[in-house]
Amino acid sequence: MKISCEIIRDLLPLYYDAVCSNESKALIEEHLAECDNCKAELLSMGETIPVNSMEQNLSEAETLKELSGKWRKGKMKSFLKGMIIVIATVAAVVALISIFGTVRISF
């Protein structure tokens, strides 16, 4: 039975952790005997993933915290500017209505 590499790649983590069924294991091993790409994928699963040092993680977290604070302040400033513009516009409209509301135009 010919199985595509995509299906095998989906099953490889289970095979690597030895938690797949015996039937799946047999299919994967049959495929790996013929496919160098999937074999290389399986071998790459054994490589260690580099992890950043705690100091670097803390430094990055502090930087993100600072950016978050700046973003929050900028958002608040924008909100206040918007509110001031809305209040000024409403005040101008009310003033214009009160000024021109008493003038009657007759034709």
PDB file of N, CA and C in Angstrom:
ATOM      1  N   MET A   1       0.837  -1.167   0.000  1.00  0.00           N
ATOM      2  CA  MET A   1       0.000   0.000   0.000  1.00  0.00           C
ATOM      3  C   MET A   1       0.892   1.243   0.000  1.00  0.00           C
ATOM      4  N   LYS A   2       0.696   2.119  -0.953  1.00  0.00           N
ATOM      5  CA  LYS A   2       1.484   3.340  -1.091  1.00  0.00           C
ATOM      6  C   LYS A   2       0.814   4.450  -0.280  1.00  0.00           C
ATOM      7  N   ILE A   3       1.556   5.001   0.676  1.00  0.00           N
ATOM      8  CA  ILE A   3       1.040   6.077   1.522  1.00  0.00           C
ATOM      9  C   ILE A   3       1.847   7.335   1.231  1.00  0.00           C
ATOM     10  N   SER A   4       1.159   8.477   1.164  1.00  0.00           N
ATOM     11  CA  SER A   4       1.844   9.728   0.836  1.00  0.00           C
ATOM     12  C   SER A   4       2.758  10.175   1.979  1.00  0.00           C
ATOM     13  N   CYS A   5       3.744  10.964   1.603  1.00  0.00           N
ATOM     14  CA  CYS A   5       4.696  11.476   2.600  1.00  0.00           C
ATOM     15  C   CYS A   5       3.999  12.370   3.626  1.00  0.00           C
ATOM     16  N   GLU A   6       2.971  13.097   3.204  1.00  0.00           N
ATOM     17  CA  GLU A   6       2.274  13.974   4.143  1.00  0.00           C
ATOM     18  C   GLU A   6       1.632  13.173   5.264  1.00  0.00           C
ATOM     19  N   ILE A   7       1.019  12.058   4.935  1.00  0.00           N
ATOM     20  CA  ILE A   7       0.403  11.219   5.965  1.00  0.00           C
ATOM     21  C   ILE A   7       1.476  10.643   6.881  1.00  0.00           C
ATOM     22  N   ILE A   8       2.575  10.207   6.307  1.00  0.00           N
ATOM     23  CA  ILE A   8       3.672   9.657   7.112  1.00  0.00           C
ATOM     24  C   ILE A   8       4.223  10.733   8.038  1.00  0.00           C
ATOM     25  N   ARG A   9       4.387  11.953   7.524  1.00  0.00           N
ATOM     26  CA  ARG A   9       4.906  13.040   8.372  1.00  0.00           C
ATOM     27  C   ARG A   9       3.955  13.356   9.520  1.00  0.00           C
ATOM     28  N   ASP A  10       2.645  13.202   9.277  1.00  0.00           N
ATOM     29  CA  ASP A  10       1.684  13.390  10.367  1.00  0.00           C
ATOM     30  C   ASP A  10       1.842  12.306  11.438  1.00  0.00           C
ATOM     31  N   LEU A  11       2.210  11.097  11.017  1.00  0.00           N
ATOM     32  CA  LEU A  11       2.334   9.974  11.945  1.00  0.00           C
ATOM     33  C   LEU A  11       3.712   9.867  12.600  1.00  0.00           C
ATOM     34  N   LEU A  12       4.707  10.530  12.014  1.00  0.00           N
ATOM     35  CA  LEU A  12       6.072  10.396  12.526  1.00  0.00           C
ATOM     36  C   LEU A  12       6.229  10.750  14.013  1.00  0.00           C
ATOM     37  N   PRO A  13       5.601  11.814  14.505  1.00  0.00           N
ATOM     38  CA  PRO A  13       5.749  12.097  15.945  1.00  0.00           C
ATOM     39  C   PRO A  13       5.246  10.947  16.822  1.00  0.00           C
ATOM     40  N   LEU A  14       4.138  10.320  16.403  1.00  0.00           N
ATOM     41  CA  LEU A  14       3.622   9.174  17.161  1.00  0.00           C
ATOM     42  C   LEU A  14       4.597   8.005  17.094  1.00  0.00           C
ATOM     43  N   TYR A  15       5.169   7.796  15.912  1.00  0.00           N
ATOM     44  CA  TYR A  15       6.152   6.721  15.724  1.00  0.00           C
ATOM     45  C   TYR A  15       7.396   7.005  16.562  1.00  0.00           C
ATOM     46  N   TYR A  16       7.852   8.242  16.538  1.00  0.00           N
ATOM     47  CA  TYR A  16       9.048   8.634  17.282  1.00  0.00           C
ATOM     48  C   TYR A  16       8.850   8.405  18.786  1.00  0.00           C
ATOM     49  N   ASP A  17       7.653   8.729  19.283  1.00  0.00           N
ATOM     50  CA  ASP A  17       7.360   8.560  20.707  1.00  0.00           C
ATOM     51  C   ASP A  17       6.913   7.141  21.044  1.00  0.00           C
ATOM     52  N   ALA A  18       6.842   6.277  20.040  1.00  0.00           N
ATOM     53  CA  ALA A  18       6.447   4.869  20.199  1.00  0.00           C
ATOM     54  C   ALA A  18       5.050   4.721  20.796  1.00  0.00           C
ATOM     55  N   VAL A  19       4.121   5.531  20.315  1.00  0.00           N
ATOM     56  CA  VAL A  19       2.744   5.451  20.806  1.00  0.00           C
ATOM     57  C   VAL A  19       1.740   5.129  19.696  1.00  0.00           C
ATOM     58  N   CYS A  20       2.231   4.815  18.498  1.00  0.00           N
ATOM     59  CA  CYS A  20       1.315   4.455  17.415  1.00  0.00           C
ATOM     60  C   CYS A  20       1.012   2.955  17.461  1.00  0.00           C
ATOM     61  N   SER A  21      -0.014   2.580  16.741  1.00  0.00           N
ATOM     62  CA  SER A  21      -0.402   1.164  16.712  1.00  0.00           C
ATOM     63  C   SER A  21       0.638   0.357  15.935  1.00  0.00           C
ATOM     64  N   ASN A  22       0.596  -0.942  16.113  1.00  0.00           N
ATOM     65  CA  ASN A  22       1.530  -1.822  15.396  1.00  0.00           C
ATOM     66  C   ASN A  22       1.323  -1.743  13.888  1.00  0.00           C
ATOM     67  N   GLU A  23       0.072  -1.593  13.471  1.00  0.00           N
ATOM     68  CA  GLU A  23      -0.232  -1.479  12.033  1.00  0.00           C
ATOM     69  C   GLU A  23       0.366  -0.198  11.459  1.00  0.00           C
ATOM     70  N   SER A  24       0.188   0.917  12.187  1.00  0.00           N
ATOM     71  CA  SER A  24       0.777   2.189  11.740  1.00  0.00           C
ATOM     72  C   SER A  24       2.295   2.091  11.726  1.00  0.00           C
ATOM     73  N   LYS A  25       2.851   1.475  12.734  1.00  0.00           N
ATOM     74  CA  LYS A  25       4.302   1.314  12.825  1.00  0.00           C
ATOM     75  C   LYS A  25       4.835   0.551  11.615  1.00  0.00           C
ATOM     76  N   ALA A  26       4.141  -0.510  11.231  1.00  0.00           N
ATOM     77  CA  ALA A  26       4.578  -1.299  10.077  1.00  0.00           C
ATOM     78  C   ALA A  26       4.504  -0.480   8.794  1.00  0.00           C
ATOM     79  N   LEU A  27       3.422   0.296   8.626  1.00  0.00           N
ATOM     80  CA  LEU A  27       3.282   1.137   7.425  1.00  0.00           C
ATOM     81  C   LEU A  27       4.375   2.206   7.371  1.00  0.00           C
ATOM     82  N   ILE A  28       4.653   2.807   8.504  1.00  0.00           N
ATOM     83  CA  ILE A  28       5.677   3.855   8.555  1.00  0.00           C
ATOM     84  C   ILE A  28       7.043   3.269   8.234  1.00  0.00           C
ATOM     85  N   GLU A  29       7.366   2.139   8.827  1.00  0.00           N
ATOM     86  CA  GLU A  29       8.671   1.520   8.580  1.00  0.00           C
ATOM     87  C   GLU A  29       8.812   1.097   7.122  1.00  0.00           C
ATOM     88  N   GLU A  30       7.737   0.624   6.519  1.00  0.00           N
ATOM     89  CA  GLU A  30       7.762   0.267   5.102  1.00  0.00           C
ATOM     90  C   GLU A  30       8.039   1.501   4.245  1.00  0.00           C
ATOM     91  N   HIS A  31       7.404   2.612   4.603  1.00  0.00           N
ATOM     92  CA  HIS A  31       7.605   3.862   3.865  1.00  0.00           C
ATOM     93  C   HIS A  31       9.022   4.396   4.068  1.00  0.00           C
ATOM     94  N   LEU A  32       9.505   4.342   5.298  1.00  0.00           N
ATOM     95  CA  LEU A  32      10.845   4.859   5.605  1.00  0.00           C
ATOM     96  C   LEU A  32      11.936   4.085   4.876  1.00  0.00           C
ATOM     97  N   ALA A  33      11.693   2.826   4.590  1.00  0.00           N
ATOM     98  CA  ALA A  33      12.686   2.021   3.873  1.00  0.00           C
ATOM     99  C   ALA A  33      12.881   2.536   2.455  1.00  0.00           C
ATOM    100  N   GLU A  34      11.882   3.228   1.915  1.00  0.00           N
ATOM    101  CA  GLU A  34      11.949   3.708   0.534  1.00  0.00           C
ATOM    102  C   GLU A  34      12.108   5.215   0.408  1.00  0.00           C
ATOM    103  N   CYS A  35      11.829   5.973   1.461  1.00  0.00           N
ATOM    104  CA  CYS A  35      11.782   7.444   1.345  1.00  0.00           C
ATOM    105  C   CYS A  35      12.850   8.100   2.222  1.00  0.00           C
ATOM    106  N   ASP A  36      13.840   8.680   1.570  1.00  0.00           N
ATOM    107  CA  ASP A  36      14.922   9.344   2.308  1.00  0.00           C
ATOM    108  C   ASP A  36      14.460  10.644   2.960  1.00  0.00           C
ATOM    109  N   ASN A  37      13.502  11.345   2.335  1.00  0.00           N
ATOM    110  CA  ASN A  37      13.019  12.611   2.904  1.00  0.00           C
ATOM    111  C   ASN A  37      12.329  12.383   4.247  1.00  0.00           C
ATOM    112  N   CYS A  38      11.478  11.389   4.310  1.00  0.00           N
ATOM    113  CA  CYS A  38      10.782  11.095   5.567  1.00  0.00           C
ATOM    114  C   CYS A  38      11.756  10.543   6.610  1.00  0.00           C
ATOM    115  N   LYS A  39      12.751   9.790   6.149  1.00  0.00           N
ATOM    116  CA  LYS A  39      13.767   9.269   7.057  1.00  0.00           C
ATOM    117  C   LYS A  39      14.541  10.439   7.685  1.00  0.00           C
ATOM    118  N   ALA A  40      14.865  11.434   6.862  1.00  0.00           N
ATOM    119  CA  ALA A  40      15.570  12.616   7.369  1.00  0.00           C
ATOM    120  C   ALA A  40      14.685  13.388   8.352  1.00  0.00           C
ATOM    121  N   GLU A  41      13.392  13.436   8.067  1.00  0.00           N
ATOM    122  CA  GLU A  41      12.446  14.099   8.972  1.00  0.00           C
ATOM    123  C   GLU A  41      12.432  13.407  10.328  1.00  0.00           C
ATOM    124  N   LEU A  42      12.432  12.090  10.316  1.00  0.00           N
ATOM    125  CA  LEU A  42      12.454  11.319  11.562  1.00  0.00           C
ATOM    126  C   LEU A  42      13.751  11.574  12.334  1.00  0.00           C
ATOM    127  N   LEU A  43      14.870  11.609  11.632  1.00  0.00           N
ATOM    128  CA  LEU A  43      16.156  11.848  12.297  1.00  0.00           C
ATOM    129  C   LEU A  43      16.217  13.243  12.904  1.00  0.00           C
ATOM    130  N   SER A  44      15.576  14.218  12.243  1.00  0.00           N
ATOM    131  CA  SER A  44      15.611  15.590  12.758  1.00  0.00           C
ATOM    132  C   SER A  44      14.810  15.728  14.048  1.00  0.00           C
ATOM    133  N   MET A  45      13.898  14.794  14.298  1.00  0.00           N
ATOM    134  CA  MET A  45      13.116  14.844  15.542  1.00  0.00           C
ATOM    135  C   MET A  45      13.979  14.581  16.770  1.00  0.00           C
ATOM    136  N   GLY A  46      15.102  13.944  16.576  1.00  0.00           N
ATOM    137  CA  GLY A  46      15.981  13.655  17.700  1.00  0.00           C
ATOM    138  C   GLY A  46      16.895  14.808  18.058  1.00  0.00           C
ATOM    139  N   GLU A  47      16.933  15.838  17.221  1.00  0.00           N
ATOM    140  CA  GLU A  47      17.801  16.985  17.492  1.00  0.00           C
ATOM    141  C   GLU A  47      17.214  17.828  18.612  1.00  0.00           C
ATOM    142  N   THR A  48      18.089  18.404  19.420  1.00  0.00           N
ATOM    143  CA  THR A  48      17.623  19.252  20.517  1.00  0.00           C
ATOM    144  C   THR A  48      17.297  20.636  19.983  1.00  0.00           C
ATOM    145  N   ILE A  49      16.331  21.233  20.599  1.00  0.00           N
ATOM    146  CA  ILE A  49      15.909  22.582  20.228  1.00  0.00           C
ATOM    147  C   ILE A  49      16.622  23.558  21.152  1.00  0.00           C
ATOM    148  N   PRO A  50      17.320  24.550  20.593  1.00  0.00           N
ATOM    149  CA  PRO A  50      18.024  25.505  21.462  1.00  0.00           C
ATOM    150  C   PRO A  50      17.027  26.350  22.254  1.00  0.00           C
ATOM    151  N   VAL A  51      17.315  26.526  23.531  1.00  0.00           N
ATOM    152  CA  VAL A  51      16.458  27.311  24.410  1.00  0.00           C
ATOM    153  C   VAL A  51      17.256  28.533  24.865  1.00  0.00           C
ATOM    154  N   ASN A  52      16.601  29.675  24.847  1.00  0.00           N
ATOM    155  CA  ASN A  52      17.264  30.905  25.280  1.00  0.00           C
ATOM    156  C   ASN A  52      17.580  30.836  26.770  1.00  0.00           C
ATOM    157  N   SER A  53      18.564  31.613  27.163  1.00  0.00           N
ATOM    158  CA  SER A  53      18.915  31.668  28.572  1.00  0.00           C
ATOM    159  C   SER A  53      17.844  32.436  29.345  1.00  0.00           C
ATOM    160  N   MET A  54      17.797  32.213  30.639  1.00  0.00           N
ATOM    161  CA  MET A  54      16.797  32.874  31.465  1.00  0.00           C
ATOM    162  C   MET A  54      16.984  34.393  31.423  1.00  0.00           C
ATOM    163  N   GLU A  55      18.237  34.844  31.404  1.00  0.00           N
ATOM    164  CA  GLU A  55      18.504  36.282  31.365  1.00  0.00           C
ATOM    165  C   GLU A  55      17.947  36.898  30.087  1.00  0.00           C
ATOM    166  N   GLN A  56      18.130  36.203  28.975  1.00  0.00           N
ATOM    167  CA  GLN A  56      17.623  36.714  27.699  1.00  0.00           C
ATOM    168  C   GLN A  56      16.089  36.749  27.719  1.00  0.00           C
ATOM    169  N   ASN A  57      15.477  35.707  28.263  1.00  0.00           N
ATOM    170  CA  ASN A  57      14.021  35.687  28.358  1.00  0.00           C
ATOM    171  C   ASN A  57      13.502  36.824  29.230  1.00  0.00           C
ATOM    172  N   LEU A  58      14.163  37.063  30.366  1.00  0.00           N
ATOM    173  CA  LEU A  58      13.740  38.150  31.247  1.00  0.00           C
ATOM    174  C   LEU A  58      13.932  39.507  30.586  1.00  0.00           C
ATOM    175  N   SER A  59      15.019  39.648  29.844  1.00  0.00           N
ATOM    176  CA  SER A  59      15.271  40.897  29.127  1.00  0.00           C
ATOM    177  C   SER A  59      14.189  41.143  28.075  1.00  0.00           C
ATOM    178  N   GLU A  60      13.837  40.098  27.336  1.00  0.00           N
ATOM    179  CA  GLU A  60      12.795  40.236  26.318  1.00  0.00           C
ATOM    180  C   GLU A  60      11.444  40.534  26.963  1.00  0.00           C
ATOM    181  N   ALA A  61      11.169  39.914  28.103  1.00  0.00           N
ATOM    182  CA  ALA A  61       9.913  40.163  28.806  1.00  0.00           C
ATOM    183  C   ALA A  61       9.842  41.611  29.286  1.00  0.00           C
ATOM    184  N   GLU A  62      10.961  42.128  29.777  1.00  0.00           N
ATOM    185  CA  GLU A  62      11.000  43.521  30.235  1.00  0.00           C
ATOM    186  C   GLU A  62      10.777  44.480  29.063  1.00  0.00           C
ATOM    187  N   THR A  63      11.391  44.181  27.925  1.00  0.00           N
ATOM    188  CA  THR A  63      11.203  45.005  26.730  1.00  0.00           C
ATOM    189  C   THR A  63       9.737  44.999  26.302  1.00  0.00           C
ATOM    190  N   LEU A  64       9.109  43.837  26.318  1.00  0.00           N
ATOM    191  CA  LEU A  64       7.693  43.742  25.950  1.00  0.00           C
ATOM    192  C   LEU A  64       6.815  44.503  26.937  1.00  0.00           C
ATOM    193  N   LYS A  65       7.185  44.467  28.201  1.00  0.00           N
ATOM    194  CA  LYS A  65       6.429  45.191  29.223  1.00  0.00           C
ATOM    195  C   LYS A  65       6.508  46.699  28.974  1.00  0.00           C
ATOM    196  N   GLU A  66       7.700  47.189  28.623  1.00  0.00           N
ATOM    197  CA  GLU A  66       7.872  48.611  28.320  1.00  0.00           C
ATOM    198  C   GLU A  66       7.059  49.006  27.092  1.00  0.00           C
ATOM    199  N   LEU A  67       7.126  48.174  26.040  1.00  0.00           N
ATOM    200  CA  LEU A  67       6.358  48.467  24.826  1.00  0.00           C
ATOM    201  C   LEU A  67       4.862  48.467  25.109  1.00  0.00           C
ATOM    202  N   SER A  68       4.423  47.542  25.956  1.00  0.00           N
ATOM    203  CA  SER A  68       3.014  47.474  26.312  1.00  0.00           C
ATOM    204  C   SER A  68       2.574  48.751  27.028  1.00  0.00           C
ATOM    205  N   GLY A  69       3.415  49.236  27.933  1.00  0.00           N
ATOM    206  CA  GLY A  69       3.104  50.480  28.647  1.00  0.00           C
ATOM    207  C   GLY A  69       3.029  51.666  27.706  1.00  0.00           C
ATOM    208  N   LYS A  70       3.985  51.752  26.774  1.00  0.00           N
ATOM    209  CA  LYS A  70       3.973  52.853  25.799  1.00  0.00           C
ATOM    210  C   LYS A  70       2.732  52.773  24.912  1.00  0.00           C
ATOM    211  N   TRP A  71       2.385  51.561  24.505  1.00  0.00           N
ATOM    212  CA  TRP A  71       1.214  51.392  23.648  1.00  0.00           C
ATOM    213  C   TRP A  71      -0.052  51.801  24.399  1.00  0.00           C
ATOM    214  N   ARG A  72      -0.148  51.401  25.678  1.00  0.00           N
ATOM    215  CA  ARG A  72      -1.317  51.736  26.491  1.00  0.00           C
ATOM    216  C   ARG A  72      -1.436  53.254  26.659  1.00  0.00           C
ATOM    217  N   LYS A  73      -0.292  53.937  26.910  1.00  0.00           N
ATOM    218  CA  LYS A  73      -0.319  55.393  27.058  1.00  0.00           C
ATOM    219  C   LYS A  73      -0.726  56.059  25.755  1.00  0.00           C
ATOM    220  N   GLY A  74      -0.194  55.564  24.640  1.00  0.00           N
ATOM    221  CA  GLY A  74      -0.544  56.121  23.334  1.00  0.00           C
ATOM    222  C   GLY A  74      -2.023  55.938  23.029  1.00  0.00           C
ATOM    223  N   LYS A  75      -2.552  54.793  23.416  1.00  0.00           N
ATOM    224  CA  LYS A  75      -3.971  54.518  23.201  1.00  0.00           C
ATOM    225  C   LYS A  75      -4.822  55.479  24.031  1.00  0.00           C
ATOM    226  N   MET A  76      -4.415  55.738  25.268  1.00  0.00           N
ATOM    227  CA  MET A  76      -5.160  56.650  26.130  1.00  0.00           C
ATOM    228  C   MET A  76      -5.112  58.072  25.586  1.00  0.00           C
ATOM    229  N   LYS A  77      -3.929  58.503  25.096  1.00  0.00           N
ATOM    230  CA  LYS A  77      -3.819  59.839  24.513  1.00  0.00           C
ATOM    231  C   LYS A  77      -4.732  59.978  23.301  1.00  0.00           C
ATOM    232  N   SER A  78      -4.763  58.969  22.457  1.00  0.00           N
ATOM    233  CA  SER A  78      -5.623  59.007  21.275  1.00  0.00           C
ATOM    234  C   SER A  78      -7.090  59.072  21.677  1.00  0.00           C
ATOM    235  N   PHE A  79      -7.461  58.324  22.688  1.00  0.00           N
ATOM    236  CA  PHE A  79      -8.845  58.340  23.169  1.00  0.00           C
ATOM    237  C   PHE A  79      -9.215  59.735  23.670  1.00  0.00           C
ATOM    238  N   LEU A  80      -8.327  60.331  24.480  1.00  0.00           N
ATOM    239  CA  LEU A  80      -8.607  61.670  25.017  1.00  0.00           C
ATOM    240  C   LEU A  80      -8.685  62.714  23.909  1.00  0.00           C
ATOM    241  N   LYS A  81      -7.804  62.638  22.921  1.00  0.00           N
ATOM    242  CA  LYS A  81      -7.867  63.565  21.783  1.00  0.00           C
ATOM    243  C   LYS A  81      -9.199  63.427  21.058  1.00  0.00           C
ATOM    244  N   GLY A  82      -9.620  62.203  20.858  1.00  0.00           N
ATOM    245  CA  GLY A  82     -10.901  61.965  20.188  1.00  0.00           C
ATOM    246  C   GLY A  82     -12.060  62.545  20.981  1.00  0.00           C
ATOM    247  N   MET A  83     -12.029  62.355  22.300  1.00  0.00           N
ATOM    248  CA  MET A  83     -13.102  62.898  23.141  1.00  0.00           C
ATOM    249  C   MET A  83     -13.122  64.429  23.099  1.00  0.00           C
ATOM    250  N   ILE A  84     -11.952  65.041  23.116  1.00  0.00           N
ATOM    251  CA  ILE A  84     -11.882  66.508  23.049  1.00  0.00           C
ATOM    252  C   ILE A  84     -12.447  67.000  21.722  1.00  0.00           C
ATOM    253  N   ILE A  85     -12.108  66.331  20.634  1.00  0.00           N
ATOM    254  CA  ILE A  85     -12.621  66.730  19.320  1.00  0.00           C
ATOM    255  C   ILE A  85     -14.135  66.580  19.270  1.00  0.00           C
ATOM    256  N   VAL A  86     -14.666  65.493  19.812  1.00  0.00           N
ATOM    257  CA  VAL A  86     -16.120  65.282  19.826  1.00  0.00           C
ATOM    258  C   VAL A  86     -16.809  66.356  20.664  1.00  0.00           C
ATOM    259  N   ILE A  87     -16.272  66.644  21.839  1.00  0.00           N
ATOM    260  CA  ILE A  87     -16.879  67.663  22.705  1.00  0.00           C
ATOM    261  C   ILE A  87     -16.830  69.031  22.042  1.00  0.00           C
ATOM    262  N   ALA A  88     -15.697  69.367  21.428  1.00  0.00           N
ATOM    263  CA  ALA A  88     -15.582  70.661  20.746  1.00  0.00           C
ATOM    264  C   ALA A  88     -16.561  70.747  19.582  1.00  0.00           C
ATOM    265  N   THR A  89     -16.712  69.665  18.835  1.00  0.00           N
ATOM    266  CA  THR A  89     -17.634  69.665  17.697  1.00  0.00           C
ATOM    267  C   THR A  89     -19.082  69.827  18.176  1.00  0.00           C
ATOM    268  N   VAL A  90     -19.446  69.105  19.222  1.00  0.00           N
ATOM    269  CA  VAL A  90     -20.808  69.223  19.765  1.00  0.00           C
ATOM    270  C   VAL A  90     -21.046  70.634  20.288  1.00  0.00           C
ATOM    271  N   ALA A  91     -20.067  71.193  20.974  1.00  0.00           N
ATOM    272  CA  ALA A  91     -20.207  72.559  21.494  1.00  0.00           C
ATOM    273  C   ALA A  91     -20.368  73.552  20.348  1.00  0.00           C
ATOM    274  N   ALA A  92     -19.611  73.386  19.274  1.00  0.00           N
ATOM    275  CA  ALA A  92     -19.720  74.286  18.119  1.00  0.00           C
ATOM    276  C   ALA A  92     -21.093  74.159  17.469  1.00  0.00           C
ATOM    277  N   VAL A  93     -21.598  72.956  17.341  1.00  0.00           N
ATOM    278  CA  VAL A  93     -22.918  72.760  16.731  1.00  0.00           C
ATOM    279  C   VAL A  93     -24.000  73.371  17.609  1.00  0.00           C
ATOM    280  N   VAL A  94     -23.904  73.172  18.918  1.00  0.00           N
ATOM    281  CA  VAL A  94     -24.888  73.758  19.840  1.00  0.00           C
ATOM    282  C   VAL A  94     -24.820  75.279  19.764  1.00  0.00           C
ATOM    283  N   ALA A  95     -23.627  75.848  19.713  1.00  0.00           N
ATOM    284  CA  ALA A  95     -23.474  77.301  19.617  1.00  0.00           C
ATOM    285  C   ALA A  95     -24.071  77.822  18.311  1.00  0.00           C
ATOM    286  N   LEU A  96     -23.816  77.146  17.214  1.00  0.00           N
ATOM    287  CA  LEU A  96     -24.364  77.574  15.921  1.00  0.00           C
ATOM    288  C   LEU A  96     -25.885  77.472  15.916  1.00  0.00           C
ATOM    289  N   ILE A  97     -26.406  76.432  16.513  1.00  0.00           N
ATOM    290  CA  ILE A  97     -27.872  76.286  16.560  1.00  0.00           C
ATOM    291  C   ILE A  97     -28.484  77.388  17.414  1.00  0.00           C
ATOM    292  N   SER A  98     -27.829  77.711  18.529  1.00  0.00           N
ATOM    293  CA  SER A  98     -28.387  78.755  19.400  1.00  0.00           C
ATOM    294  C   SER A  98     -28.281  80.133  18.744  1.00  0.00           C
ATOM    295  N   ILE A  99     -27.229  80.369  17.978  1.00  0.00           N
ATOM    296  CA  ILE A  99     -27.064  81.661  17.305  1.00  0.00           C
ATOM    297  C   ILE A  99     -28.033  81.778  16.127  1.00  0.00           C
ATOM    298  N   PHE A 100     -28.034  80.772  15.258  1.00  0.00           N
ATOM    299  CA  PHE A 100     -28.841  80.854  14.046  1.00  0.00           C
ATOM    300  C   PHE A 100     -30.244  80.291  14.240  1.00  0.00           C
ATOM    301  N   GLY A 101     -30.509  79.711  15.368  1.00  0.00           N
ATOM    302  CA  GLY A 101     -31.842  79.178  15.623  1.00  0.00           C
ATOM    303  C   GLY A 101     -32.856  80.268  15.869  1.00  0.00           C
ATOM    304  N   THR A 102     -32.426  81.434  16.311  1.00  0.00           N
ATOM    305  CA  THR A 102     -33.339  82.543  16.589  1.00  0.00           C
ATOM    306  C   THR A 102     -33.595  83.375  15.345  1.00  0.00           C
ATOM    307  N   VAL A 103     -32.776  83.230  14.332  1.00  0.00           N
ATOM    308  CA  VAL A 103     -32.966  83.990  13.096  1.00  0.00           C
ATOM    309  C   VAL A 103     -33.979  83.242  12.235  1.00  0.00           C
ATOM    310  N   ARG A 104     -35.012  83.986  11.845  1.00  0.00           N
ATOM    311  CA  ARG A 104     -36.028  83.370  11.003  1.00  0.00           C
ATOM    312  C   ARG A 104     -35.892  83.954   9.599  1.00  0.00           C
ATOM    313  N   ILE A 105     -35.879  83.074   8.673  1.00  0.00           N
ATOM    314  CA  ILE A 105     -35.783  83.507   7.278  1.00  0.00           C
ATOM    315  C   ILE A 105     -37.164  83.377   6.666  1.00  0.00           C
ATOM    316  N   SER A 106     -37.631  84.469   6.093  1.00  0.00           N
ATOM    317  CA  SER A 106     -38.952  84.421   5.454  1.00  0.00           C
ATOM    318  C   SER A 106     -38.813  84.803   3.996  1.00  0.00           C
ATOM    319  N   PHE A 107     -39.561  84.156   3.199  1.00  0.00           N
ATOM    320  CA  PHE A 107     -39.521  84.421   1.759  1.00  0.00           C
ATOM    321  C   PHE A 107     -40.829  84.938   1.285  1.00  0.00           C
TER     322      PHE A 107
END
